[in-house]
Amino acid sequence: MRDVVADAIGVATLTAAGVRDAAAYGCGIFVSILTNFLLNNWWTWGDRTSGDSAGRFWRRLAKFYLVSTIAAAVQLGTSTILSAMLRGSEVFSRPLAGEYRVYHAVAPAVGILVGLVINFGVNNLWTFRRRGAPSAASQSAPPPDPPAPVDEVS
């Protein structure tokens, strides 16, 4: 029965096309973001989240996934662009081991650092914002100055 189901959904074709690997990578990324969120929610920003309602938890989780996805895209873009830029450099194209070059280590490290800063900064300021702290949108314009007192002359 299992083979009939596998044949019906074309598992052999999908496996040959690498879709199974891509699905596994996608599931791995999904689970890693979830575990990262749970640890941050409990440990890193636990002082800001204790006693929250389930609704706040789910909103934070959605925000965390959004921020993590954007940070991952920036990390990938940074690594890819930097790798292409460094590939032509005499210093960064020196071999480390076999075909593995210096830029193969430097570009991803810089991308990871950029992604980490974005991820932590945005999650600190938005996803896990302190309760009662104004959002970035409400801080855009300072309140107007109070009118100056008028002295009465007698």
Protein backbone atom coordinates (compact mmCIF):
# COMPACT_ATOMS: atom_id res chain seq x y z
CA MET A 1 0.00 0.00 0.00
CA ARG A 2 2.82 2.40 0.88
CA ASP A 3 4.38 2.00 -2.58
CA VAL A 4 1.04 2.69 -4.26
CA VAL A 5 0.69 5.97 -2.34
CA ALA A 6 4.31 6.91 -3.05
CA ASP A 7 3.84 6.19 -6.76
CA ALA A 8 0.56 8.12 -6.82
CA ILE A 9 2.16 11.31 -5.52
CA GLY A 10 5.28 10.82 -7.61
CA VAL A 11 7.80 10.42 -4.77
CA ALA A 12 10.43 8.98 -7.13
CA THR A 13 10.12 11.97 -9.46
CA LEU A 14 10.21 14.46 -6.58
CA THR A 15 13.22 12.72 -5.03
CA ALA A 16 15.08 12.74 -8.34
CA ALA A 17 14.37 16.46 -8.65
CA GLY A 18 15.75 17.15 -5.19
CA VAL A 19 12.38 18.27 -3.84
CA ARG A 20 12.63 15.90 -0.91
CA ASP A 21 15.88 17.56 0.15
CA ALA A 22 14.39 21.03 -0.26
CA ALA A 23 11.34 20.01 1.79
CA ALA A 24 13.61 18.62 4.50
CA TYR A 25 15.67 21.83 4.53
CA GLY A 26 12.48 23.90 4.72
CA CYS A 27 11.17 21.84 7.62
CA GLY A 28 14.52 22.16 9.36
CA ILE A 29 14.49 25.94 8.98
CA PHE A 30 10.88 26.11 10.23
CA VAL A 31 11.72 24.03 13.31
CA SER A 32 14.96 25.94 14.01
CA ILE A 33 13.12 29.29 13.96
CA LEU A 34 10.45 27.85 16.26
CA THR A 35 12.97 26.53 18.79
CA ASN A 36 14.91 29.80 18.59
CA PHE A 37 11.68 31.69 19.33
CA LEU A 38 10.76 29.44 22.25
CA LEU A 39 14.20 29.86 23.84
CA ASN A 40 14.16 33.63 23.30
CA ASN A 41 10.59 33.88 24.59
CA TRP A 42 11.48 31.95 27.73
CA TRP A 43 15.12 32.87 28.37
CA THR A 44 16.37 35.99 26.55
CA TRP A 45 13.24 38.09 26.90
CA GLY A 46 11.43 36.05 29.56
CA ASP A 47 11.23 39.11 31.81
CA ARG A 48 9.15 40.85 29.11
CA THR A 49 6.87 37.91 28.29
CA SER A 50 5.99 36.29 31.61
CA GLY A 51 2.28 36.29 32.30
CA ASP A 52 1.30 37.18 28.73
CA SER A 53 -1.87 35.88 27.14
CA ALA A 54 -1.89 33.22 24.43
CA GLY A 55 -2.84 35.91 21.90
CA ARG A 56 0.34 37.87 22.62
CA PHE A 57 2.38 34.68 22.34
CA TRP A 58 1.04 33.93 18.84
CA ARG A 59 1.52 37.55 17.71
CA ARG A 60 5.12 37.45 18.92
CA LEU A 61 5.66 34.14 17.14
CA ALA A 62 4.35 35.58 13.85
CA LYS A 63 6.55 38.67 14.25
CA PHE A 64 9.55 36.47 15.05
CA TYR A 65 9.03 34.39 11.90
CA LEU A 66 8.75 37.55 9.81
CA VAL A 67 11.91 39.08 11.29
CA SER A 68 13.82 35.80 11.01
CA THR A 69 12.82 35.38 7.37
CA ILE A 70 13.95 38.91 6.48
CA ALA A 71 17.20 38.52 8.42
CA ALA A 72 17.87 35.19 6.68
CA ALA A 73 17.30 36.80 3.27
CA VAL A 74 19.69 39.63 4.16
CA GLN A 75 22.22 37.07 5.42
CA LEU A 76 22.00 35.08 2.19
CA GLY A 77 22.22 38.21 0.04
CA THR A 78 25.18 39.58 1.99
CA SER A 79 27.03 36.26 1.82
CA THR A 80 26.36 35.82 -1.90
CA ILE A 81 27.33 39.36 -2.90
CA LEU A 82 30.41 39.42 -0.68
CA SER A 83 31.50 36.02 -1.98
CA ALA A 84 31.27 37.28 -5.57
CA MET A 85 33.19 40.44 -4.67
CA LEU A 86 35.97 38.63 -2.79
CA ARG A 87 36.36 35.82 -5.31
CA GLY A 88 38.59 37.99 -7.54
CA SER A 89 40.83 39.13 -4.68
CA GLU A 90 44.28 37.59 -4.46
CA VAL A 91 44.10 37.51 -0.64
CA PHE A 92 40.58 36.09 -0.31
CA SER A 93 40.89 33.55 -3.13
CA ARG A 94 43.80 31.73 -1.50
CA PRO A 95 43.05 28.08 -0.82
CA LEU A 96 42.38 26.94 2.72
CA ALA A 97 41.83 23.26 2.00
CA GLY A 98 41.43 21.80 -1.48
CA GLU A 99 38.97 23.97 -3.41
CA TYR A 100 37.83 25.71 -0.22
CA ARG A 101 38.99 29.34 -0.40
CA VAL A 102 39.27 32.11 2.19
CA TYR A 103 36.19 33.87 0.77
CA HIS A 104 34.19 30.66 1.37
CA ALA A 105 34.71 31.27 5.10
CA VAL A 106 34.69 35.07 5.24
CA ALA A 107 31.56 35.81 3.18
CA PRO A 108 29.21 33.54 5.18
CA ALA A 109 30.70 34.75 8.47
CA VAL A 110 29.99 38.38 7.56
CA GLY A 111 26.50 37.42 6.34
CA ILE A 112 25.79 35.60 9.59
CA LEU A 113 26.96 38.61 11.61
CA VAL A 114 24.75 41.00 9.64
CA GLY A 115 21.75 38.66 9.96
CA LEU A 116 22.38 38.22 13.68
CA VAL A 117 22.45 41.99 14.32
CA ILE A 118 19.24 42.52 12.34
CA ASN A 119 17.51 39.58 14.00
CA PHE A 120 18.44 40.57 17.54
CA GLY A 121 17.90 44.31 17.07
CA VAL A 122 14.49 44.11 15.43
CA ASN A 123 13.24 41.39 17.76
CA ASN A 124 14.44 43.38 20.78
CA LEU A 125 12.77 46.60 19.62
CA TRP A 126 9.60 45.17 18.03
CA THR A 127 8.81 41.51 18.72
CA PHE A 128 9.77 41.53 22.40
CA ARG A 129 9.22 45.25 23.06
CA ARG A 130 8.87 46.12 26.73
CA ARG A 131 5.26 46.39 27.82
CA GLY A 132 4.18 49.97 28.02
CA ALA A 133 7.05 51.06 25.81
CA PRO A 134 5.85 53.08 22.85
CA SER A 135 6.27 51.53 19.44
CA ALA A 136 8.67 53.03 16.91
CA ALA A 137 5.71 54.52 15.00
CA SER A 138 4.45 56.41 18.02
CA GLN A 139 7.95 57.78 18.71
CA SER A 140 8.31 59.39 15.30
CA ALA A 141 7.11 62.86 16.29
CA PRO A 142 7.83 64.42 19.67
CA PRO A 143 4.89 65.98 21.51
CA PRO A 144 4.46 69.72 21.02
CA ASP A 145 5.88 72.10 23.61
CA PRO A 146 3.36 73.44 26.11
CA PRO A 147 2.39 77.07 25.63
CA ALA A 148 4.53 79.59 27.47
CA PRO A 149 2.94 81.11 30.56
CA VAL A 150 1.59 84.61 30.17
CA ASP A 151 2.65 87.11 32.82
CA GLU A 152 -0.11 89.39 33.93
CA VAL A 153 0.95 93.01 34.32
CA SER A 154 -1.01 95.08 36.82
